[in-house]
Amino acid sequence: MPFREINSKMVEARIEPGQRLFSQRGAMLAYTGQVSFTPNIQGGQGGLASMIGRRVAGEATPLMTVEGSGTVMFGHGGHHIQVIQLAGDTLYVEADRLLAFDGTLEQGTMFMGSQGGVMGMVRGQVTGQGLFTTTLRGHGSVAVMAHGGVIELPITPQRPVHVDPQAYVAHHGEVRNKLSTALGWRDMVGRGSGEAFQLELSGSGAVYVQASEEKL
């Protein structure tokens, strides 16, 4: 169920009988046809365990189940929207950045500290990014939100990517992340986070970076 980009801040999806998608509550702008919107209480494709995991992790952004037959337009807060296609891999993205996604995708939660160790935990405390992040796995489309547009940067074993943590949107692939400091602790006294911290992503995959350091 691919999303069609209407413009940089709106997408639409065609809903067919027997199919469904999930969207952030309040993201529906308009629709045609016979379409229903119901609060989702079972955690998407991941079921009850996924819902409980997201609530414990603080990743429980309210979702709506969208079903029926018709076309639905989505957008939220005037944010820029990036459509990401998954082909059996896993997308790592914070829940509040999810606009809408295919109901076929399996949703879960991951503890980011397990990827970055102690530095992964520091990342959550210092940068405002969550210690936990939402995962979407399978074949389907995901529409994510960002400030000022998004660029996709490839990550290869020979070419890790360093990202300002506030500009990070999402990543997919076999990727590890860790937080590093660009300055010594003495040099950082009296400074904001800014470029003092960098999120290093290595492995094979891609990272999506927004054109702003502003959180949603």
C-alpha atoms as a PDB file:
ATOM      1  CA  MET A   1       0.000   0.000   0.000  1.00  0.00           C
ATOM      2  CA  PRO A   2       2.424   2.706  -1.160  1.00  0.00           C
ATOM      3  CA  PHE A   3       1.864   6.338  -0.196  1.00  0.00           C
ATOM      4  CA  ARG A   4       1.659   8.946  -2.938  1.00  0.00           C
ATOM      5  CA  GLU A   5       3.283  12.278  -2.159  1.00  0.00           C
ATOM      6  CA  ILE A   6       0.845  15.116  -2.891  1.00  0.00           C
ATOM      7  CA  ASN A   7       3.415  17.711  -1.865  1.00  0.00           C
ATOM      8  CA  SER A   8       6.218  17.918   0.688  1.00  0.00           C
ATOM      9  CA  LYS A   9       3.732  18.024   3.588  1.00  0.00           C
ATOM     10  CA  MET A  10       0.880  15.760   2.447  1.00  0.00           C
ATOM     11  CA  VAL A  11       0.588  12.145   1.313  1.00  0.00           C
ATOM     12  CA  GLU A  12      -2.344   9.980   0.291  1.00  0.00           C
ATOM     13  CA  ALA A  13      -2.979   6.253   0.455  1.00  0.00           C
ATOM     14  CA  ARG A  14      -5.491   4.077  -1.342  1.00  0.00           C
ATOM     15  CA  ILE A  15      -7.335   1.771   1.083  1.00  0.00           C
ATOM     16  CA  GLU A  16      -8.674  -1.499  -0.305  1.00  0.00           C
ATOM     17  CA  PRO A  17     -11.099  -3.927   1.393  1.00  0.00           C
ATOM     18  CA  GLY A  18      -9.184  -6.426   3.506  1.00  0.00           C
ATOM     19  CA  GLN A  19      -6.214  -4.080   3.906  1.00  0.00           C
ATOM     20  CA  ARG A  20      -5.469  -1.625   6.670  1.00  0.00           C
ATOM     21  CA  LEU A  21      -2.926   0.915   7.750  1.00  0.00           C
ATOM     22  CA  PHE A  22      -2.100   2.709  10.961  1.00  0.00           C
ATOM     23  CA  SER A  23      -1.764   6.452  11.391  1.00  0.00           C
ATOM     24  CA  GLN A  24      -1.009   8.867  14.167  1.00  0.00           C
ATOM     25  CA  ARG A  25      -4.225  10.189  15.672  1.00  0.00           C
ATOM     26  CA  GLY A  26      -5.158  13.544  14.184  1.00  0.00           C
ATOM     27  CA  ALA A  27      -3.134  12.907  11.006  1.00  0.00           C
ATOM     28  CA  MET A  28      -6.131  12.410   8.688  1.00  0.00           C
ATOM     29  CA  LEU A  29      -6.729  15.542   6.594  1.00  0.00           C
ATOM     30  CA  ALA A  30      -9.452  14.329   4.209  1.00  0.00           C
ATOM     31  CA  TYR A  31     -10.777  11.156   2.616  1.00  0.00           C
ATOM     32  CA  THR A  32     -13.118   9.842  -0.062  1.00  0.00           C
ATOM     33  CA  GLY A  33     -15.051   6.593  -0.060  1.00  0.00           C
ATOM     34  CA  GLN A  34     -16.153   4.351   2.792  1.00  0.00           C
ATOM     35  CA  VAL A  35     -13.295   4.545   5.291  1.00  0.00           C
ATOM     36  CA  SER A  36     -13.347   3.930   9.046  1.00  0.00           C
ATOM     37  CA  PHE A  37     -10.964   5.269  11.691  1.00  0.00           C
ATOM     38  CA  THR A  38     -10.822   3.488  15.048  1.00  0.00           C
ATOM     39  CA  PRO A  39      -8.454   3.860  18.020  1.00  0.00           C
ATOM     40  CA  ASN A  40      -5.863   1.100  17.986  1.00  0.00           C
ATOM     41  CA  ILE A  41      -5.447  -0.676  21.329  1.00  0.00           C
ATOM     42  CA  GLN A  42      -3.528  -3.777  20.259  1.00  0.00           C
ATOM     43  CA  GLY A  43      -0.178  -2.290  19.271  1.00  0.00           C
ATOM     44  CA  GLY A  44      -0.450  -2.660  15.492  1.00  0.00           C
ATOM     45  CA  GLN A  45       0.823  -5.814  13.804  1.00  0.00           C
ATOM     46  CA  GLY A  46       2.948  -6.624  16.856  1.00  0.00           C
ATOM     47  CA  GLY A  47      -0.157  -7.278  18.963  1.00  0.00           C
ATOM     48  CA  LEU A  48      -0.618  -6.829  22.685  1.00  0.00           C
ATOM     49  CA  ALA A  49       3.020  -7.547  23.542  1.00  0.00           C
ATOM     50  CA  SER A  50       4.090  -4.759  21.203  1.00  0.00           C
ATOM     51  CA  MET A  51       1.641  -2.344  22.816  1.00  0.00           C
ATOM     52  CA  ILE A  52       2.858  -3.161  26.328  1.00  0.00           C
ATOM     53  CA  GLY A  53       6.467  -2.852  25.233  1.00  0.00           C
ATOM     54  CA  ARG A  54       5.875   0.575  23.720  1.00  0.00           C
ATOM     55  CA  ARG A  55       4.061   1.829  26.800  1.00  0.00           C
ATOM     56  CA  VAL A  56       6.849   0.682  29.103  1.00  0.00           C
ATOM     57  CA  ALA A  57       9.344   2.327  26.750  1.00  0.00           C
ATOM     58  CA  GLY A  58       7.433   5.583  26.536  1.00  0.00           C
ATOM     59  CA  GLU A  59       6.949   4.972  22.803  1.00  0.00           C
ATOM     60  CA  ALA A  60       3.168   4.755  22.923  1.00  0.00           C
ATOM     61  CA  THR A  61       2.111   7.474  20.477  1.00  0.00           C
ATOM     62  CA  PRO A  62      -1.665   6.965  19.973  1.00  0.00           C
ATOM     63  CA  LEU A  63      -2.514   5.237  16.698  1.00  0.00           C
ATOM     64  CA  MET A  64      -5.629   4.930  14.567  1.00  0.00           C
ATOM     65  CA  THR A  65      -6.536   1.867  12.498  1.00  0.00           C
ATOM     66  CA  VAL A  66      -7.647   2.907   9.006  1.00  0.00           C
ATOM     67  CA  GLU A  67      -9.787   0.429   7.036  1.00  0.00           C
ATOM     68  CA  GLY A  68     -12.396   0.327   4.292  1.00  0.00           C
ATOM     69  CA  SER A  69     -12.412   1.370   0.655  1.00  0.00           C
ATOM     70  CA  GLY A  70     -11.277   4.806  -0.462  1.00  0.00           C
ATOM     71  CA  THR A  71      -8.449   7.322  -0.508  1.00  0.00           C
ATOM     72  CA  VAL A  72      -7.098   9.053   2.598  1.00  0.00           C
ATOM     73  CA  MET A  73      -4.860  12.124   2.786  1.00  0.00           C
ATOM     74  CA  PHE A  74      -2.467  12.493   5.711  1.00  0.00           C
ATOM     75  CA  GLY A  75      -0.408  15.316   7.176  1.00  0.00           C
ATOM     76  CA  HIS A  76       0.354  16.682  10.627  1.00  0.00           C
ATOM     77  CA  GLY A  77       1.477  20.018  12.019  1.00  0.00           C
ATOM     78  CA  GLY A  78       2.784  21.224   8.676  1.00  0.00           C
ATOM     79  CA  HIS A  79       5.794  18.914   9.037  1.00  0.00           C
ATOM     80  CA  HIS A  80       7.668  17.676   5.989  1.00  0.00           C
ATOM     81  CA  ILE A  81       6.953  14.048   5.138  1.00  0.00           C
ATOM     82  CA  GLN A  82       9.353  11.400   3.885  1.00  0.00           C
ATOM     83  CA  VAL A  83       8.054   8.112   2.464  1.00  0.00           C
ATOM     84  CA  ILE A  84      10.322   5.113   3.132  1.00  0.00           C
ATOM     85  CA  GLN A  85       9.895   1.764   1.389  1.00  0.00           C
ATOM     86  CA  LEU A  86      10.862  -1.358   3.354  1.00  0.00           C
ATOM     87  CA  ALA A  87      11.737  -4.580   1.538  1.00  0.00           C
ATOM     88  CA  GLY A  88      11.987  -7.051   4.405  1.00  0.00           C
ATOM     89  CA  ASP A  89      14.345  -4.945   6.511  1.00  0.00           C
ATOM     90  CA  THR A  90      13.785  -3.036   9.763  1.00  0.00           C
ATOM     91  CA  LEU A  91      13.273   0.695  10.203  1.00  0.00           C
ATOM     92  CA  TYR A  92      14.284   2.330  13.503  1.00  0.00           C
ATOM     93  CA  VAL A  93      12.306   5.510  14.165  1.00  0.00           C
ATOM     94  CA  GLU A  94      10.939   7.357  17.177  1.00  0.00           C
ATOM     95  CA  ALA A  95       7.195   6.914  17.572  1.00  0.00           C
ATOM     96  CA  ASP A  96       6.332  10.613  17.484  1.00  0.00           C
ATOM     97  CA  ARG A  97       7.823  10.840  13.961  1.00  0.00           C
ATOM     98  CA  LEU A  98       5.474   8.202  12.541  1.00  0.00           C
ATOM     99  CA  LEU A  99       2.718   9.694  10.413  1.00  0.00           C
ATOM    100  CA  ALA A 100       1.304   6.480   8.891  1.00  0.00           C
ATOM    101  CA  PHE A 101       2.456   3.007   7.881  1.00  0.00           C
ATOM    102  CA  ASP A 102       1.267  -0.204   6.259  1.00  0.00           C
ATOM    103  CA  GLY A 103      -0.689  -2.551   8.499  1.00  0.00           C
ATOM    104  CA  THR A 104       1.408  -5.458   7.206  1.00  0.00           C
ATOM    105  CA  LEU A 105       4.508  -4.166   8.983  1.00  0.00           C
ATOM    106  CA  GLU A 106       5.380  -5.690  12.351  1.00  0.00           C
ATOM    107  CA  GLN A 107       5.840  -3.071  15.043  1.00  0.00           C
ATOM    108  CA  GLY A 108       8.086  -3.443  18.072  1.00  0.00           C
ATOM    109  CA  THR A 109      10.355  -1.585  20.482  1.00  0.00           C
ATOM    110  CA  MET A 110      14.127  -1.681  20.838  1.00  0.00           C
ATOM    111  CA  PHE A 111      16.385  -0.510  23.657  1.00  0.00           C
ATOM    112  CA  MET A 112      18.927   1.721  21.933  1.00  0.00           C
ATOM    113  CA  GLY A 113      21.420   1.253  24.754  1.00  0.00           C
ATOM    114  CA  SER A 114      21.881  -2.320  23.540  1.00  0.00           C
ATOM    115  CA  GLN A 115      23.314  -0.939  20.305  1.00  0.00           C
ATOM    116  CA  GLY A 116      25.490   1.782  21.752  1.00  0.00           C
ATOM    117  CA  GLY A 117      26.231   0.418  25.216  1.00  0.00           C
ATOM    118  CA  VAL A 118      26.841   3.102  27.831  1.00  0.00           C
ATOM    119  CA  MET A 119      27.144   5.740  25.122  1.00  0.00           C
ATOM    120  CA  GLY A 120      23.775   4.696  23.778  1.00  0.00           C
ATOM    121  CA  MET A 121      22.315   5.431  27.191  1.00  0.00           C
ATOM    122  CA  VAL A 122      24.144   8.752  27.343  1.00  0.00           C
ATOM    123  CA  ARG A 123      22.592   9.572  23.989  1.00  0.00           C
ATOM    124  CA  GLY A 124      19.122   9.234  25.462  1.00  0.00           C
ATOM    125  CA  GLN A 125      19.896  11.376  28.482  1.00  0.00           C
ATOM    126  CA  VAL A 126      21.865  14.137  26.784  1.00  0.00           C
ATOM    127  CA  THR A 127      20.299  14.600  23.363  1.00  0.00           C
ATOM    128  CA  GLY A 128      16.614  14.148  24.141  1.00  0.00           C
ATOM    129  CA  GLN A 129      16.372  11.111  21.846  1.00  0.00           C
ATOM    130  CA  GLY A 130      14.662   8.210  23.574  1.00  0.00           C
ATOM    131  CA  LEU A 131      16.515   5.284  25.117  1.00  0.00           C
ATOM    132  CA  PHE A 132      13.906   3.174  23.354  1.00  0.00           C
ATOM    133  CA  THR A 133      12.907   3.468  19.722  1.00  0.00           C
ATOM    134  CA  THR A 134      10.102   2.008  17.616  1.00  0.00           C
ATOM    135  CA  THR A 135      10.894  -0.646  14.997  1.00  0.00           C
ATOM    136  CA  LEU A 136       8.916  -1.473  11.860  1.00  0.00           C
ATOM    137  CA  ARG A 137       9.822  -4.646   9.988  1.00  0.00           C
ATOM    138  CA  GLY A 138       8.638  -6.297   6.788  1.00  0.00           C
ATOM    139  CA  HIS A 139       7.514  -5.244   3.324  1.00  0.00           C
ATOM    140  CA  GLY A 140       5.601  -2.001   3.059  1.00  0.00           C
ATOM    141  CA  SER A 141       5.616   1.784   3.209  1.00  0.00           C
ATOM    142  CA  VAL A 142       6.207   4.186   6.092  1.00  0.00           C
ATOM    143  CA  ALA A 143       5.546   7.938   6.123  1.00  0.00           C
ATOM    144  CA  VAL A 144       7.682   9.782   8.682  1.00  0.00           C
ATOM    145  CA  MET A 145       7.693  13.447   9.716  1.00  0.00           C
ATOM    146  CA  ALA A 146      10.599  15.858   9.925  1.00  0.00           C
ATOM    147  CA  HIS A 147      11.456  19.553  10.032  1.00  0.00           C
ATOM    148  CA  GLY A 148      12.598  21.221   6.833  1.00  0.00           C
ATOM    149  CA  GLY A 149      12.841  18.170   4.598  1.00  0.00           C
ATOM    150  CA  VAL A 150      14.888  14.975   4.736  1.00  0.00           C
ATOM    151  CA  ILE A 151      17.953  13.598   2.990  1.00  0.00           C
ATOM    152  CA  GLU A 152      18.878   9.893   2.855  1.00  0.00           C
ATOM    153  CA  LEU A 153      22.569   9.151   3.445  1.00  0.00           C
ATOM    154  CA  PRO A 154      23.959   5.674   2.664  1.00  0.00           C
ATOM    155  CA  ILE A 155      25.997   3.896   5.349  1.00  0.00           C
ATOM    156  CA  THR A 156      28.674   1.407   4.266  1.00  0.00           C
ATOM    157  CA  PRO A 157      31.337  -0.507   6.219  1.00  0.00           C
ATOM    158  CA  GLN A 158      33.945   1.787   4.643  1.00  0.00           C
ATOM    159  CA  ARG A 159      31.921   4.958   5.158  1.00  0.00           C
ATOM    160  CA  PRO A 160      30.249   5.500   8.540  1.00  0.00           C
ATOM    161  CA  VAL A 161      28.073   8.584   8.876  1.00  0.00           C
ATOM    162  CA  HIS A 162      28.225  11.141  11.703  1.00  0.00           C
ATOM    163  CA  VAL A 163      24.941  12.928  12.441  1.00  0.00           C
ATOM    164  CA  ASP A 164      23.932  15.680  14.824  1.00  0.00           C
ATOM    165  CA  PRO A 165      21.612  13.743  17.186  1.00  0.00           C
ATOM    166  CA  GLN A 166      18.971  16.467  16.962  1.00  0.00           C
ATOM    167  CA  ALA A 167      18.896  16.118  13.156  1.00  0.00           C
ATOM    168  CA  TYR A 168      18.508  12.312  13.232  1.00  0.00           C
ATOM    169  CA  VAL A 169      15.129  11.053  11.966  1.00  0.00           C
ATOM    170  CA  ALA A 170      15.439   7.298  11.371  1.00  0.00           C
ATOM    171  CA  HIS A 171      17.691   4.574   9.982  1.00  0.00           C
ATOM    172  CA  HIS A 172      17.426   1.089   8.514  1.00  0.00           C
ATOM    173  CA  GLY A 173      19.728  -1.799   7.739  1.00  0.00           C
ATOM    174  CA  GLU A 174      22.427  -3.589   9.713  1.00  0.00           C
ATOM    175  CA  VAL A 175      23.573  -0.466  11.505  1.00  0.00           C
ATOM    176  CA  ARG A 176      25.168   0.190  14.884  1.00  0.00           C
ATOM    177  CA  ASN A 177      25.057   3.569  16.561  1.00  0.00           C
ATOM    178  CA  LYS A 178      27.092   5.214  19.273  1.00  0.00           C
ATOM    179  CA  LEU A 179      27.357   8.692  20.667  1.00  0.00           C
ATOM    180  CA  SER A 180      30.758  10.339  20.551  1.00  0.00           C
ATOM    181  CA  THR A 181      31.998  13.699  21.742  1.00  0.00           C
ATOM    182  CA  ALA A 182      33.661  16.118  19.384  1.00  0.00           C
ATOM    183  CA  LEU A 183      35.206  18.024  22.292  1.00  0.00           C
ATOM    184  CA  GLY A 184      36.817  17.067  25.558  1.00  0.00           C
ATOM    185  CA  TRP A 185      34.743  17.366  28.719  1.00  0.00           C
ATOM    186  CA  ARG A 186      36.738  20.403  29.860  1.00  0.00           C
ATOM    187  CA  ASP A 187      36.062  22.145  26.551  1.00  0.00           C
ATOM    188  CA  MET A 188      32.351  21.466  26.897  1.00  0.00           C
ATOM    189  CA  VAL A 189      31.876  23.305  30.188  1.00  0.00           C
ATOM    190  CA  GLY A 190      29.418  26.103  29.616  1.00  0.00           C
ATOM    191  CA  ARG A 191      28.388  24.878  26.158  1.00  0.00           C
ATOM    192  CA  GLY A 192      25.088  23.501  24.918  1.00  0.00           C
ATOM    193  CA  SER A 193      24.931  20.070  23.314  1.00  0.00           C
ATOM    194  CA  GLY A 194      25.235  21.413  19.738  1.00  0.00           C
ATOM    195  CA  GLU A 195      28.022  19.834  17.745  1.00  0.00           C
ATOM    196  CA  ALA A 196      29.719  18.693  20.953  1.00  0.00           C
ATOM    197  CA  PHE A 197      27.916  15.365  20.453  1.00  0.00           C
ATOM    198  CA  GLN A 198      27.802  13.319  17.284  1.00  0.00           C
ATOM    199  CA  LEU A 199      25.814  10.169  16.557  1.00  0.00           C
ATOM    200  CA  GLU A 200      28.053   7.748  14.646  1.00  0.00           C
ATOM    201  CA  LEU A 201      26.268   5.133  12.520  1.00  0.00           C
ATOM    202  CA  SER A 202      28.300   2.308  11.028  1.00  0.00           C
ATOM    203  CA  GLY A 203      27.561  -0.888   9.101  1.00  0.00           C
ATOM    204  CA  SER A 204      25.347  -1.250   6.028  1.00  0.00           C
ATOM    205  CA  GLY A 205      22.144   0.699   5.529  1.00  0.00           C
ATOM    206  CA  ALA A 206      20.950   4.285   5.396  1.00  0.00           C
ATOM    207  CA  VAL A 207      20.138   7.136   7.778  1.00  0.00           C
ATOM    208  CA  TYR A 208      17.554   9.874   7.274  1.00  0.00           C
ATOM    209  CA  VAL A 209      18.584  13.359   8.379  1.00  0.00           C
ATOM    210  CA  GLN A 210      16.318  16.398   8.678  1.00  0.00           C
ATOM    211  CA  ALA A 211      17.282  19.949   7.759  1.00  0.00           C
ATOM    212  CA  SER A 212      16.830  21.206  11.303  1.00  0.00           C
ATOM    213  CA  GLU A 213      17.952  20.556  14.861  1.00  0.00           C
ATOM    214  CA  GLU A 214      14.411  21.071  16.132  1.00  0.00           C
ATOM    215  CA  LYS A 215      12.526  18.227  17.813  1.00  0.00           C
ATOM    216  CA  LEU A 216       8.925  17.481  16.820  1.00  0.00           C
END
